[in-house]
PDB file of all heavy atoms in Angstrom:
ATOM      1  N   THR A   1     -15.914 -15.936  32.642  1.00  0.00           N
ATOM      2  CA  THR A   1     -15.900 -14.479  32.857  1.00  0.00           C
ATOM      3  C   THR A   1     -16.649 -14.212  34.165  1.00  0.00           C
ATOM      4  O   THR A   1     -17.186 -15.134  34.779  1.00  0.00           O
ATOM      5  CB  THR A   1     -16.558 -13.732  31.689  1.00  0.00           C
ATOM      6  OG1 THR A   1     -16.424 -12.317  31.885  1.00  0.00           O
ATOM      7  CG2 THR A   1     -18.052 -14.058  31.586  1.00  0.00           C
ATOM      8  N   SER A   2     -16.699 -12.943  34.573  1.00  0.00           N
ATOM      9  CA  SER A   2     -17.398 -12.603  35.811  1.00  0.00           C
ATOM     10  C   SER A   2     -18.900 -12.845  35.685  1.00  0.00           C
ATOM     11  O   SER A   2     -19.458 -12.815  34.591  1.00  0.00           O
ATOM     12  CB  SER A   2     -17.162 -11.135  36.155  1.00  0.00           C
ATOM     13  OG  SER A   2     -15.803 -10.907  36.442  1.00  0.00           O
ATOM     14  N   ALA A   3     -19.537 -13.088  36.824  1.00  0.00           N
ATOM     15  CA  ALA A   3     -20.991 -13.212  36.854  1.00  0.00           C
ATOM     16  C   ALA A   3     -21.637 -11.877  36.516  1.00  0.00           C
ATOM     17  O   ALA A   3     -20.982 -10.835  36.575  1.00  0.00           O
ATOM     18  CB  ALA A   3     -21.422 -13.677  38.234  1.00  0.00           C
ATOM     19  N   TRP A   4     -22.918 -11.888  36.195  1.00  0.00           N
ATOM     20  CA  TRP A   4     -23.582 -10.628  35.861  1.00  0.00           C
ATOM     21  C   TRP A   4     -24.994 -10.484  36.433  1.00  0.00           C
ATOM     22  O   TRP A   4     -25.383  -9.401  36.826  1.00  0.00           O
ATOM     23  CB  TRP A   4     -23.610 -10.394  34.347  1.00  0.00           C
ATOM     24  CG  TRP A   4     -24.249 -11.449  33.529  1.00  0.00           C
ATOM     25  CD1 TRP A   4     -25.567 -11.530  33.168  1.00  0.00           C
ATOM     26  CD2 TRP A   4     -23.624 -12.592  32.949  1.00  0.00           C
ATOM     27  NE1 TRP A   4     -25.810 -12.649  32.404  1.00  0.00           N
ATOM     28  CE2 TRP A   4     -24.625 -13.338  32.235  1.00  0.00           C
ATOM     29  CE3 TRP A   4     -22.318 -13.087  32.924  1.00  0.00           C
ATOM     30  CZ2 TRP A   4     -24.352 -14.502  31.542  1.00  0.00           C
ATOM     31  CZ3 TRP A   4     -22.050 -14.264  32.236  1.00  0.00           C
ATOM     32  CH2 TRP A   4     -23.051 -14.951  31.562  1.00  0.00           C
ATOM     33  N   TYR A   5     -25.773 -11.561  36.530  1.00  0.00           N
ATOM     34  CA  TYR A   5     -27.147 -11.413  37.027  1.00  0.00           C
ATOM     35  C   TYR A   5     -27.164 -10.901  38.475  1.00  0.00           C
ATOM     36  O   TYR A   5     -27.813  -9.904  38.785  1.00  0.00           O
ATOM     37  CB  TYR A   5     -27.906 -12.729  36.940  1.00  0.00           C
ATOM     38  CG  TYR A   5     -28.140 -13.241  35.546  1.00  0.00           C
ATOM     39  CD1 TYR A   5     -27.716 -14.522  35.182  1.00  0.00           C
ATOM     40  CD2 TYR A   5     -28.789 -12.467  34.584  1.00  0.00           C
ATOM     41  CE1 TYR A   5     -27.939 -15.009  33.894  1.00  0.00           C
ATOM     42  CE2 TYR A   5     -29.002 -12.937  33.296  1.00  0.00           C
ATOM     43  CZ  TYR A   5     -28.566 -14.232  32.960  1.00  0.00           C
ATOM     44  OH  TYR A   5     -28.781 -14.698  31.700  1.00  0.00           O
ATOM     45  N   ALA A   6     -26.457 -11.611  39.364  1.00  0.00           N
ATOM     46  CA  ALA A   6     -26.471 -11.201  40.773  1.00  0.00           C
ATOM     47  C   ALA A   6     -25.791  -9.848  40.991  1.00  0.00           C
ATOM     48  O   ALA A   6     -26.310  -9.023  41.741  1.00  0.00           O
ATOM     49  CB  ALA A   6     -25.821 -12.282  41.649  1.00  0.00           C
ATOM     50  N   PRO A   7     -24.620  -9.581  40.361  1.00  0.00           N
ATOM     51  CA  PRO A   7     -24.054  -8.233  40.510  1.00  0.00           C
ATOM     52  C   PRO A   7     -25.007  -7.142  40.014  1.00  0.00           C
ATOM     53  O   PRO A   7     -25.165  -6.112  40.662  1.00  0.00           O
ATOM     54  CB  PRO A   7     -22.778  -8.281  39.657  1.00  0.00           C
ATOM     55  CG  PRO A   7     -22.389  -9.721  39.651  1.00  0.00           C
ATOM     56  CD  PRO A   7     -23.694 -10.485  39.648  1.00  0.00           C
ATOM     57  N   GLY A   8     -25.649  -7.363  38.871  1.00  0.00           N
ATOM     58  CA  GLY A   8     -26.582  -6.380  38.346  1.00  0.00           C
ATOM     59  C   GLY A   8     -27.767  -6.145  39.269  1.00  0.00           C
ATOM     60  O   GLY A   8     -28.186  -5.012  39.498  1.00  0.00           O
ATOM     61  N   ALA A   9     -28.275  -7.238  39.855  1.00  0.00           N
ATOM     62  CA  ALA A   9     -29.390  -7.119  40.794  1.00  0.00           C
ATOM     63  C   ALA A   9     -28.969  -6.401  42.061  1.00  0.00           C
ATOM     64  O   ALA A   9     -29.724  -5.588  42.616  1.00  0.00           O
ATOM     65  CB  ALA A   9     -29.938  -8.506  41.124  1.00  0.00           C
ATOM     66  N   ALA A  10     -27.739  -6.688  42.538  1.00  0.00           N
ATOM     67  CA  ALA A  10     -27.238  -6.027  43.747  1.00  0.00           C
ATOM     68  C   ALA A  10     -27.123  -4.525  43.539  1.00  0.00           C
ATOM     69  O   ALA A  10     -27.541  -3.739  44.393  1.00  0.00           O
ATOM     70  CB  ALA A  10     -25.893  -6.622  44.150  1.00  0.00           C
ATOM     71  N   VAL A  11     -26.578  -4.130  42.398  1.00  0.00           N
ATOM     72  CA  VAL A  11     -26.453  -2.689  42.117  1.00  0.00           C
ATOM     73  C   VAL A  11     -27.813  -2.039  42.034  1.00  0.00           C
ATOM     74  O   VAL A  11     -28.049  -0.959  42.580  1.00  0.00           O
ATOM     75  CB  VAL A  11     -25.694  -2.429  40.794  1.00  0.00           C
ATOM     76  CG1 VAL A  11     -25.502  -0.934  40.582  1.00  0.00           C
ATOM     77  CG2 VAL A  11     -24.351  -3.111  40.777  1.00  0.00           C
ATOM     78  N   SER A  12     -28.752  -2.700  41.354  1.00  0.00           N
ATOM     79  CA  SER A  12     -30.083  -2.103  41.190  1.00  0.00           C
ATOM     80  C   SER A  12     -30.772  -1.925  42.536  1.00  0.00           C
ATOM     81  O   SER A  12     -31.528  -0.976  42.731  1.00  0.00           O
ATOM     82  CB  SER A  12     -30.950  -2.954  40.252  1.00  0.00           C
ATOM     83  OG  SER A  12     -31.389  -4.148  40.874  1.00  0.00           O
ATOM     84  N   ALA A  13     -30.506  -2.833  43.483  1.00  0.00           N
ATOM     85  CA  ALA A  13     -31.099  -2.700  44.820  1.00  0.00           C
ATOM     86  C   ALA A  13     -30.549  -1.471  45.538  1.00  0.00           C
ATOM     87  O   ALA A  13     -31.301  -0.748  46.216  1.00  0.00           O
ATOM     88  CB  ALA A  13     -30.823  -3.961  45.637  1.00  0.00           C
ATOM     89  N   LEU A  14     -29.243  -1.214  45.380  1.00  0.00           N
ATOM     90  CA  LEU A  14     -28.653  -0.017  45.985  1.00  0.00           C
ATOM     91  C   LEU A  14     -29.213   1.251  45.336  1.00  0.00           C
ATOM     92  O   LEU A  14     -29.549   2.215  46.032  1.00  0.00           O
ATOM     93  CB  LEU A  14     -27.122  -0.030  45.826  1.00  0.00           C
ATOM     94  CG  LEU A  14     -26.340  -1.206  46.411  1.00  0.00           C
ATOM     95  CD1 LEU A  14     -24.833  -0.946  46.311  1.00  0.00           C
ATOM     96  CD2 LEU A  14     -26.732  -1.490  47.853  1.00  0.00           C
ATOM     97  N   VAL A  15     -29.314   1.236  44.013  1.00  0.00           N
ATOM     98  CA  VAL A  15     -29.847   2.403  43.297  1.00  0.00           C
ATOM     99  C   VAL A  15     -31.275   2.692  43.747  1.00  0.00           C
ATOM    100  O   VAL A  15     -31.639   3.852  44.013  1.00  0.00           O
ATOM    101  CB  VAL A  15     -29.800   2.174  41.767  1.00  0.00           C
ATOM    102  CG1 VAL A  15     -30.537   3.293  41.027  1.00  0.00           C
ATOM    103  CG2 VAL A  15     -28.357   2.090  41.285  1.00  0.00           C
ATOM    104  N   GLN A  16     -32.088   1.649  43.860  1.00  0.00           N
ATOM    105  CA  GLN A  16     -33.474   1.834  44.275  1.00  0.00           C
ATOM    106  C   GLN A  16     -33.575   2.377  45.705  1.00  0.00           C
ATOM    107  O   GLN A  16     -34.412   3.240  46.002  1.00  0.00           O
ATOM    108  CB  GLN A  16     -34.254   0.529  44.165  1.00  0.00           C
ATOM    109  CG  GLN A  16     -35.735   0.688  44.470  1.00  0.00           C
ATOM    110  CD  GLN A  16     -36.520  -0.581  44.224  1.00  0.00           C
ATOM    111  OE1 GLN A  16     -35.954  -1.674  44.194  1.00  0.00           O
ATOM    112  NE2 GLN A  16     -37.824  -0.444  44.039  1.00  0.00           N
ATOM    113  N   ALA A  17     -32.726   1.868  46.593  1.00  0.00           N
ATOM    114  CA  ALA A  17     -32.734   2.325  47.985  1.00  0.00           C
ATOM    115  C   ALA A  17     -32.452   3.828  48.073  1.00  0.00           C
ATOM    116  O   ALA A  17     -33.039   4.542  48.886  1.00  0.00           O
ATOM    117  CB  ALA A  17     -31.726   1.545  48.813  1.00  0.00           C
ATOM    118  N   ILE A  18     -31.537   4.293  47.211  1.00  0.00           N
ATOM    119  CA  ILE A  18     -31.208   5.722  47.185  1.00  0.00           C
ATOM    120  C   ILE A  18     -32.313   6.528  46.501  1.00  0.00           C
ATOM    121  O   ILE A  18     -32.824   7.500  47.048  1.00  0.00           O
ATOM    122  CB  ILE A  18     -29.855   5.943  46.468  1.00  0.00           C
ATOM    123  CG1 ILE A  18     -28.722   5.252  47.237  1.00  0.00           C
ATOM    124  CG2 ILE A  18     -29.566   7.439  46.306  1.00  0.00           C
ATOM    125  CD1 ILE A  18     -27.439   5.127  46.451  1.00  0.00           C
ATOM    126  N   ALA A  19     -32.694   6.071  45.326  1.00  0.00           N
ATOM    127  CA  ALA A  19     -33.682   6.818  44.528  1.00  0.00           C
ATOM    128  C   ALA A  19     -35.016   6.953  45.251  1.00  0.00           C
ATOM    129  O   ALA A  19     -35.678   7.990  45.178  1.00  0.00           O
ATOM    130  CB  ALA A  19     -33.881   6.124  43.187  1.00  0.00           C
ATOM    131  N   CYS A  20     -35.410   5.909  45.965  1.00  0.00           N
ATOM    132  CA  CYS A  20     -36.718   5.888  46.641  1.00  0.00           C
ATOM    133  C   CYS A  20     -36.607   6.234  48.120  1.00  0.00           C
ATOM    134  O   CYS A  20     -37.583   6.094  48.855  1.00  0.00           O
ATOM    135  CB  CYS A  20     -37.378   4.528  46.461  1.00  0.00           C
ATOM    136  SG  CYS A  20     -37.666   4.088  44.726  1.00  0.00           S
ATOM    137  N   ASP A  21     -35.409   6.677  48.537  1.00  0.00           N
ATOM    138  CA  ASP A  21     -35.180   7.098  49.931  1.00  0.00           C
ATOM    139  C   ASP A  21     -35.670   6.051  50.906  1.00  0.00           C
ATOM    140  O   ASP A  21     -36.374   6.345  51.872  1.00  0.00           O
ATOM    141  CB  ASP A  21     -35.880   8.443  50.174  1.00  0.00           C
ATOM    142  CG  ASP A  21     -35.354   9.152  51.426  1.00  0.00           C
ATOM    143  OD1 ASP A  21     -34.196   8.895  51.826  1.00  0.00           O
ATOM    144  OD2 ASP A  21     -36.096   9.966  52.002  1.00  0.00           O
ATOM    145  N   GLN A  22     -35.273   4.792  50.673  1.00  0.00           N
ATOM    146  CA  GLN A  22     -35.830   3.681  51.441  1.00  0.00           C
ATOM    147  C   GLN A  22     -35.234   3.538  52.839  1.00  0.00           C
ATOM    148  O   GLN A  22     -35.813   2.847  53.683  1.00  0.00           O
ATOM    149  CB  GLN A  22     -35.635   2.372  50.667  1.00  0.00           C
ATOM    150  CG  GLN A  22     -36.498   2.272  49.426  1.00  0.00           C
ATOM    151  CD  GLN A  22     -36.259   0.977  48.661  1.00  0.00           C
ATOM    152  OE1 GLN A  22     -35.170   0.416  48.679  1.00  0.00           O
ATOM    153  NE2 GLN A  22     -37.276   0.510  47.967  1.00  0.00           N
ATOM    154  N   LYS A  23     -34.069   4.132  53.063  1.00  0.00           N
ATOM    155  CA  LYS A  23     -33.381   3.978  54.364  1.00  0.00           C
ATOM    156  C   LYS A  23     -33.134   2.498  54.686  1.00  0.00           C
ATOM    157  O   LYS A  23     -33.219   2.068  55.835  1.00  0.00           O
ATOM    158  CB  LYS A  23     -34.197   4.629  55.489  1.00  0.00           C
ATOM    159  CG  LYS A  23     -34.529   6.107  55.270  1.00  0.00           C
ATOM    160  CD  LYS A  23     -33.298   6.995  55.355  1.00  0.00           C
ATOM    161  CE  LYS A  23     -33.647   8.468  55.515  1.00  0.00           C
ATOM    162  NZ  LYS A  23     -34.308   9.055  54.356  1.00  0.00           N
ATOM    163  N   LYS A  24     -32.781   1.731  53.655  1.00  0.00           N
ATOM    164  CA  LYS A  24     -32.491   0.316  53.842  1.00  0.00           C
ATOM    165  C   LYS A  24     -31.029   0.138  54.249  1.00  0.00           C
ATOM    166  O   LYS A  24     -30.173   0.956  53.902  1.00  0.00           O
ATOM    167  CB  LYS A  24     -32.754  -0.466  52.552  1.00  0.00           C
ATOM    168  CG  LYS A  24     -34.233  -0.577  52.213  1.00  0.00           C
ATOM    169  CD  LYS A  24     -34.481  -1.503  51.058  1.00  0.00           C
ATOM    170  CE  LYS A  24     -34.362  -2.961  51.443  1.00  0.00           C
ATOM    171  NZ  LYS A  24     -34.843  -3.870  50.381  1.00  0.00           N
ATOM    172  N   MET A  25     -30.764  -0.945  54.960  1.00  0.00           N
ATOM    173  CA  MET A  25     -29.399  -1.234  55.380  1.00  0.00           C
ATOM    174  C   MET A  25     -28.766  -2.284  54.471  1.00  0.00           C
ATOM    175  O   MET A  25     -29.343  -3.350  54.261  1.00  0.00           O
ATOM    176  CB  MET A  25     -29.351  -1.717  56.823  1.00  0.00           C
ATOM    177  CG  MET A  25     -27.930  -1.926  57.346  1.00  0.00           C
ATOM    178  SD  MET A  25     -27.817  -2.091  59.151  1.00  0.00           S
ATOM    179  CE  MET A  25     -28.534  -3.711  59.391  1.00  0.00           C
ATOM    180  N   PHE A  26     -27.618  -1.922  53.942  1.00  0.00           N
ATOM    181  CA  PHE A  26     -26.816  -2.837  53.136  1.00  0.00           C
ATOM    182  C   PHE A  26     -25.362  -2.753  53.594  1.00  0.00           C
ATOM    183  O   PHE A  26     -24.918  -1.682  54.012  1.00  0.00           O
ATOM    184  CB  PHE A  26     -26.827  -2.423  51.648  1.00  0.00           C
ATOM    185  CG  PHE A  26     -28.114  -2.608  50.929  1.00  0.00           C
ATOM    186  CD1 PHE A  26     -29.036  -1.566  50.838  1.00  0.00           C
ATOM    187  CD2 PHE A  26     -28.413  -3.805  50.291  1.00  0.00           C
ATOM    188  CE1 PHE A  26     -30.235  -1.725  50.157  1.00  0.00           C
ATOM    189  CE2 PHE A  26     -29.598  -3.976  49.599  1.00  0.00           C
ATOM    190  CZ  PHE A  26     -30.521  -2.929  49.537  1.00  0.00           C
ATOM    191  N   PRO A  27     -24.612  -3.829  53.494  1.00  0.00           N
ATOM    192  CA  PRO A  27     -23.167  -3.686  53.665  1.00  0.00           C
ATOM    193  C   PRO A  27     -22.570  -3.133  52.368  1.00  0.00           C
ATOM    194  O   PRO A  27     -22.794  -3.722  51.297  1.00  0.00           O
ATOM    195  CB  PRO A  27     -22.693  -5.120  53.930  1.00  0.00           C
ATOM    196  CG  PRO A  27     -23.764  -6.001  53.418  1.00  0.00           C
ATOM    197  CD  PRO A  27     -25.031  -5.226  53.328  1.00  0.00           C
ATOM    198  N   CYS A  28     -21.915  -2.002  52.452  1.00  0.00           N
ATOM    199  CA  CYS A  28     -21.315  -1.351  51.292  1.00  0.00           C
ATOM    200  C   CYS A  28     -19.921  -0.878  51.649  1.00  0.00           C
ATOM    201  O   CYS A  28     -19.600  -0.680  52.811  1.00  0.00           O
ATOM    202  CB  CYS A  28     -22.148  -0.136  50.855  1.00  0.00           C
ATOM    203  SG  CYS A  28     -23.803  -0.515  50.289  1.00  0.00           S
ATOM    204  N   SER A  29     -19.108  -0.658  50.628  1.00  0.00           N
ATOM    205  CA  SER A  29     -17.784  -0.112  50.858  1.00  0.00           C
ATOM    206  C   SER A  29     -17.910   1.403  51.089  1.00  0.00           C
ATOM    207  O   SER A  29     -18.321   2.138  50.196  1.00  0.00           O
ATOM    208  CB  SER A  29     -16.865  -0.389  49.658  1.00  0.00           C
ATOM    209  OG  SER A  29     -15.526  -0.091  49.983  1.00  0.00           O
ATOM    210  N   ALA A  30     -17.584   1.811  52.305  1.00  0.00           N
ATOM    211  CA  ALA A  30     -17.693   3.228  52.692  1.00  0.00           C
ATOM    212  C   ALA A  30     -16.356   3.707  53.222  1.00  0.00           C
ATOM    213  O   ALA A  30     -15.567   2.923  53.764  1.00  0.00           O
ATOM    214  CB  ALA A  30     -18.768   3.388  53.775  1.00  0.00           C
ATOM    215  N   LEU A  31     -16.102   4.999  53.065  1.00  0.00           N
ATOM    216  CA  LEU A  31     -14.858   5.596  53.579  1.00  0.00           C
ATOM    217  C   LEU A  31     -14.992   5.731  55.099  1.00  0.00           C
ATOM    218  O   LEU A  31     -15.900   6.391  55.594  1.00  0.00           O
ATOM    219  CB  LEU A  31     -14.624   6.956  52.942  1.00  0.00           C
ATOM    220  CG  LEU A  31     -13.301   7.629  53.322  1.00  0.00           C
ATOM    221  CD1 LEU A  31     -12.109   6.842  52.789  1.00  0.00           C
ATOM    222  CD2 LEU A  31     -13.265   9.061  52.796  1.00  0.00           C
ATOM    223  N   LEU A  32     -14.078   5.087  55.822  1.00  0.00           N
ATOM    224  CA  LEU A  32     -14.143   5.096  57.280  1.00  0.00           C
ATOM    225  C   LEU A  32     -13.201   6.123  57.873  1.00  0.00           C
ATOM    226  O   LEU A  32     -12.088   6.320  57.383  1.00  0.00           O
ATOM    227  CB  LEU A  32     -13.823   3.702  57.829  1.00  0.00           C
ATOM    228  CG  LEU A  32     -14.709   2.547  57.351  1.00  0.00           C
ATOM    229  CD1 LEU A  32     -14.332   1.257  58.075  1.00  0.00           C
ATOM    230  CD2 LEU A  32     -16.181   2.852  57.519  1.00  0.00           C
TER     231      LEU A  32
END
């Protein structure tokens, strides 16, 4: 089945960057 630890950690890092207004840079899927 699909992996879960790394995907879960990746999502949590994005959530934290937004919630804590960290202004961190990540590659994400964005509407261009």
